[in-house]
Amino acid sequence: MSIDLLPEFVRENYEIHEWKHACAILHHDFPTEWDSNHSQSNVIPLEQKKLL
């Protein structure tokens, strides 16, 4: 369920694996950090080879 908190762009363009409800924790307990990460995710293109 908490993966639904991620922007649609991220859900559609990246393979997402959540670990121990990390999205929900970040969203509810650290809203400033969530907003910062969330707003930048549509701006910075990520290449898979750089993530691995």
PDB file of N, CA and C in Angstrom:
ATOM      1  N   MET A   1       0.812  -1.195   0.000  1.00  0.00           N
ATOM      2  CA  MET A   1       0.000   0.000   0.000  1.00  0.00           C
ATOM      3  C   MET A   1       0.854   1.258   0.000  1.00  0.00           C
ATOM      4  N   SER A   2       1.919   1.289   0.737  1.00  0.00           N
ATOM      5  CA  SER A   2       2.670   2.533   0.842  1.00  0.00           C
ATOM      6  C   SER A   2       3.455   2.865  -0.421  1.00  0.00           C
ATOM      7  N   ILE A   3       3.664   1.889  -1.305  1.00  0.00           N
ATOM      8  CA  ILE A   3       4.275   2.200  -2.597  1.00  0.00           C
ATOM      9  C   ILE A   3       3.368   3.147  -3.372  1.00  0.00           C
ATOM     10  N   ASP A   4       2.081   3.107  -3.087  1.00  0.00           N
ATOM     11  CA  ASP A   4       1.144   4.029  -3.732  1.00  0.00           C
ATOM     12  C   ASP A   4       1.427   5.483  -3.373  1.00  0.00           C
ATOM     13  N   LEU A   5       2.189   5.726  -2.332  1.00  0.00           N
ATOM     14  CA  LEU A   5       2.562   7.085  -1.951  1.00  0.00           C
ATOM     15  C   LEU A   5       3.585   7.684  -2.914  1.00  0.00           C
ATOM     16  N   LEU A   6       4.297   6.838  -3.644  1.00  0.00           N
ATOM     17  CA  LEU A   6       5.293   7.324  -4.590  1.00  0.00           C
ATOM     18  C   LEU A   6       4.607   7.961  -5.789  1.00  0.00           C
ATOM     19  N   PRO A   7       5.268   8.925  -6.424  1.00  0.00           N
ATOM     20  CA  PRO A   7       4.678   9.553  -7.607  1.00  0.00           C
ATOM     21  C   PRO A   7       4.427   8.532  -8.714  1.00  0.00           C
ATOM     22  N   GLU A   8       3.407   8.768  -9.486  1.00  0.00           N
ATOM     23  CA  GLU A   8       3.042   7.860 -10.576  1.00  0.00           C
ATOM     24  C   GLU A   8       4.214   7.659 -11.531  1.00  0.00           C
ATOM     25  N   PHE A   9       4.946   8.723 -11.819  1.00  0.00           N
ATOM     26  CA  PHE A   9       6.096   8.620 -12.714  1.00  0.00           C
ATOM     27  C   PHE A   9       7.097   7.579 -12.213  1.00  0.00           C
ATOM     28  N   VAL A  10       7.371   7.584 -10.941  1.00  0.00           N
ATOM     29  CA  VAL A  10       8.325   6.641 -10.352  1.00  0.00           C
ATOM     30  C   VAL A  10       7.779   5.224 -10.425  1.00  0.00           C
ATOM     31  N   ARG A  11       6.518   5.037 -10.074  1.00  0.00           N
ATOM     32  CA  ARG A  11       5.908   3.703 -10.099  1.00  0.00           C
ATOM     33  C   ARG A  11       5.888   3.118 -11.504  1.00  0.00           C
ATOM     34  N   GLU A  12       5.699   3.958 -12.504  1.00  0.00           N
ATOM     35  CA  GLU A  12       5.597   3.466 -13.882  1.00  0.00           C
ATOM     36  C   GLU A  12       6.948   3.262 -14.556  1.00  0.00           C
ATOM     37  N   ASN A  13       7.982   3.944 -14.106  1.00  0.00           N
ATOM     38  CA  ASN A  13       9.257   3.906 -14.807  1.00  0.00           C
ATOM     39  C   ASN A  13      10.371   3.165 -14.084  1.00  0.00           C
ATOM     40  N   TYR A  14      10.132   2.763 -12.851  1.00  0.00           N
ATOM     41  CA  TYR A  14      11.161   2.078 -12.077  1.00  0.00           C
ATOM     42  C   TYR A  14      10.592   0.841 -11.406  1.00  0.00           C
ATOM     43  N   GLU A  15      11.437  -0.160 -11.262  1.00  0.00           N
ATOM     44  CA  GLU A  15      11.064  -1.353 -10.507  1.00  0.00           C
ATOM     45  C   GLU A  15      11.276  -1.030  -9.034  1.00  0.00           C
ATOM     46  N   ILE A  16      10.230  -1.162  -8.245  1.00  0.00           N
ATOM     47  CA  ILE A  16      10.281  -0.737  -6.849  1.00  0.00           C
ATOM     48  C   ILE A  16      10.158  -1.946  -5.932  1.00  0.00           C
ATOM     49  N   HIS A  17      11.053  -2.017  -4.969  1.00  0.00           N
ATOM     50  CA  HIS A  17      11.009  -3.050  -3.937  1.00  0.00           C
ATOM     51  C   HIS A  17      11.038  -2.338  -2.597  1.00  0.00           C
ATOM     52  N   GLU A  18       9.960  -2.440  -1.871  1.00  0.00           N
ATOM     53  CA  GLU A  18       9.920  -1.775  -0.573  1.00  0.00           C
ATOM     54  C   GLU A  18      10.370  -2.745   0.510  1.00  0.00           C
ATOM     55  N   TRP A  19      11.064  -2.206   1.505  1.00  0.00           N
ATOM     56  CA  TRP A  19      11.574  -3.016   2.599  1.00  0.00           C
ATOM     57  C   TRP A  19      11.054  -2.465   3.912  1.00  0.00           C
ATOM     58  N   LYS A  20      10.277  -3.267   4.606  1.00  0.00           N
ATOM     59  CA  LYS A  20       9.756  -2.951   5.941  1.00  0.00           C
ATOM     60  C   LYS A  20       9.039  -1.603   5.987  1.00  0.00           C
ATOM     61  N   HIS A  21       8.102  -1.406   5.079  1.00  0.00           N
ATOM     62  CA  HIS A  21       7.241  -0.222   4.960  1.00  0.00           C
ATOM     63  C   HIS A  21       8.003   1.102   5.033  1.00  0.00           C
ATOM     64  N   ALA A  22       9.124   1.146   4.318  1.00  0.00           N
ATOM     65  CA  ALA A  22       9.979   2.339   4.334  1.00  0.00           C
ATOM     66  C   ALA A  22       9.260   3.583   3.816  1.00  0.00           C
ATOM     67  N   CYS A  23       8.447   3.448   2.776  1.00  0.00           N
ATOM     68  CA  CYS A  23       7.742   4.624   2.239  1.00  0.00           C
ATOM     69  C   CYS A  23       6.802   5.214   3.280  1.00  0.00           C
ATOM     70  N   ALA A  24       6.077   4.377   3.962  1.00  0.00           N
ATOM     71  CA  ALA A  24       5.132   4.865   4.968  1.00  0.00           C
ATOM     72  C   ALA A  24       5.868   5.553   6.124  1.00  0.00           C
ATOM     73  N   ILE A  25       6.974   4.985   6.559  1.00  0.00           N
ATOM     74  CA  ILE A  25       7.745   5.584   7.650  1.00  0.00           C
ATOM     75  C   ILE A  25       8.265   6.950   7.227  1.00  0.00           C
ATOM     76  N   LEU A  26       8.879   7.010   6.056  1.00  0.00           N
ATOM     77  CA  LEU A  26       9.420   8.284   5.588  1.00  0.00           C
ATOM     78  C   LEU A  26       8.314   9.318   5.400  1.00  0.00           C
ATOM     79  N   HIS A  27       7.211   8.908   4.805  1.00  0.00           N
ATOM     80  CA  HIS A  27       6.105   9.829   4.531  1.00  0.00           C
ATOM     81  C   HIS A  27       5.492  10.391   5.807  1.00  0.00           C
ATOM     82  N   HIS A  28       5.274   9.549   6.797  1.00  0.00           N
ATOM     83  CA  HIS A  28       4.563   9.986   8.007  1.00  0.00           C
ATOM     84  C   HIS A  28       5.475  10.518   9.116  1.00  0.00           C
ATOM     85  N   ASP A  29       6.663   9.952   9.249  1.00  0.00           N
ATOM     86  CA  ASP A  29       7.538  10.361  10.347  1.00  0.00           C
ATOM     87  C   ASP A  29       8.558  11.429   9.957  1.00  0.00           C
ATOM     88  N   PHE A  30       8.835  11.541   8.660  1.00  0.00           N
ATOM     89  CA  PHE A  30       9.813  12.512   8.170  1.00  0.00           C
ATOM     90  C   PHE A  30       9.256  13.248   6.950  1.00  0.00           C
ATOM     91  N   PRO A  31       8.186  14.007   7.127  1.00  0.00           N
ATOM     92  CA  PRO A  31       7.521  14.642   5.977  1.00  0.00           C
ATOM     93  C   PRO A  31       8.395  15.628   5.208  1.00  0.00           C
ATOM     94  N   THR A  32       9.301  16.316   5.882  1.00  0.00           N
ATOM     95  CA  THR A  32      10.177  17.261   5.180  1.00  0.00           C
ATOM     96  C   THR A  32      11.099  16.530   4.210  1.00  0.00           C
ATOM     97  N   GLU A  33      11.694  15.443   4.679  1.00  0.00           N
ATOM     98  CA  GLU A  33      12.576  14.648   3.832  1.00  0.00           C
ATOM     99  C   GLU A  33      11.779  13.989   2.704  1.00  0.00           C
ATOM    100  N   TRP A  34      10.584  13.510   3.016  1.00  0.00           N
ATOM    101  CA  TRP A  34       9.729  12.897   2.005  1.00  0.00           C
ATOM    102  C   TRP A  34       9.434  13.889   0.885  1.00  0.00           C
ATOM    103  N   ASP A  35       9.042  15.108   1.271  1.00  0.00           N
ATOM    104  CA  ASP A  35       8.724  16.124   0.264  1.00  0.00           C
ATOM    105  C   ASP A  35       9.947  16.463  -0.581  1.00  0.00           C
ATOM    106  N   SER A  36      11.097  16.526   0.043  1.00  0.00           N
ATOM    107  CA  SER A  36      12.328  16.830  -0.681  1.00  0.00           C
ATOM    108  C   SER A  36      12.651  15.734  -1.688  1.00  0.00           C
ATOM    109  N   ASN A  37      12.629  14.486  -1.265  1.00  0.00           N
ATOM    110  CA  ASN A  37      12.922  13.359  -2.162  1.00  0.00           C
ATOM    111  C   ASN A  37      11.852  13.205  -3.224  1.00  0.00           C
ATOM    112  N   HIS A  38      10.641  13.356  -2.835  1.00  0.00           N
ATOM    113  CA  HIS A  38       9.497  13.172  -3.714  1.00  0.00           C
ATOM    114  C   HIS A  38       9.501  14.207  -4.839  1.00  0.00           C
ATOM    115  N   SER A  39       9.785  15.455  -4.543  1.00  0.00           N
ATOM    116  CA  SER A  39       9.759  16.502  -5.556  1.00  0.00           C
ATOM    117  C   SER A  39      10.934  16.385  -6.520  1.00  0.00           C
ATOM    118  N   GLN A  40      12.054  15.857  -6.081  1.00  0.00           N
ATOM    119  CA  GLN A  40      13.226  15.735  -6.942  1.00  0.00           C
ATOM    120  C   GLN A  40      13.188  14.493  -7.824  1.00  0.00           C
ATOM    121  N   SER A  41      12.365  13.518  -7.497  1.00  0.00           N
ATOM    122  CA  SER A  41      12.370  12.263  -8.236  1.00  0.00           C
ATOM    123  C   SER A  41      11.906  12.414  -9.681  1.00  0.00           C
ATOM    124  N   ASN A  42      11.114  13.427  -9.983  1.00  0.00           N
ATOM    125  CA  ASN A  42      10.669  13.638 -11.357  1.00  0.00           C
ATOM    126  C   ASN A  42      11.651  14.467 -12.163  1.00  0.00           C
ATOM    127  N   VAL A  43      12.655  15.031 -11.522  1.00  0.00           N
ATOM    128  CA  VAL A  43      13.575  15.933 -12.189  1.00  0.00           C
ATOM    129  C   VAL A  43      14.863  15.223 -12.586  1.00  0.00           C
ATOM    130  N   ILE A  44      15.345  14.340 -11.755  1.00  0.00           N
ATOM    131  CA  ILE A  44      16.638  13.694 -11.979  1.00  0.00           C
ATOM    132  C   ILE A  44      16.436  12.327 -12.633  1.00  0.00           C
ATOM    133  N   PRO A  45      16.834  12.174 -13.886  1.00  0.00           N
ATOM    134  CA  PRO A  45      16.716  10.857 -14.514  1.00  0.00           C
ATOM    135  C   PRO A  45      17.760   9.895 -13.929  1.00  0.00           C
ATOM    136  N   LEU A  46      17.347   8.703 -13.637  1.00  0.00           N
ATOM    137  CA  LEU A  46      18.242   7.695 -13.076  1.00  0.00           C
ATOM    138  C   LEU A  46      18.416   6.569 -14.072  1.00  0.00           C
ATOM    139  N   GLU A  47      19.647   6.186 -14.295  1.00  0.00           N
ATOM    140  CA  GLU A  47      19.934   5.050 -15.171  1.00  0.00           C
ATOM    141  C   GLU A  47      20.103   3.807 -14.304  1.00  0.00           C
ATOM    142  N   GLN A  48      19.558   2.697 -14.781  1.00  0.00           N
ATOM    143  CA  GLN A  48      19.602   1.465 -13.994  1.00  0.00           C
ATOM    144  C   GLN A  48      21.024   1.071 -13.650  1.00  0.00           C
ATOM    145  N   LYS A  49      21.953   1.217 -14.578  1.00  0.00           N
ATOM    146  CA  LYS A  49      23.341   0.795 -14.311  1.00  0.00           C
ATOM    147  C   LYS A  49      23.969   1.604 -13.182  1.00  0.00           C
ATOM    148  N   LYS A  50      23.478   2.828 -12.944  1.00  0.00           N
ATOM    149  CA  LYS A  50      24.017   3.642 -11.864  1.00  0.00           C
ATOM    150  C   LYS A  50      23.395   3.287 -10.518  1.00  0.00           C
ATOM    151  N   LEU A  51      22.266   2.603 -10.543  1.00  0.00           N
ATOM    152  CA  LEU A  51      21.587   2.217  -9.307  1.00  0.00           C
ATOM    153  C   LEU A  51      22.098   0.898  -8.753  1.00  0.00           C
ATOM    154  N   LEU A  52      22.648   0.081  -9.605  1.00  0.00           N
ATOM    155  CA  LEU A  52      23.075  -1.248  -9.182  1.00  0.00           C
ATOM    156  C   LEU A  52      24.455  -1.258  -8.665  1.00  0.00           C
TER     157      LEU A  52
END
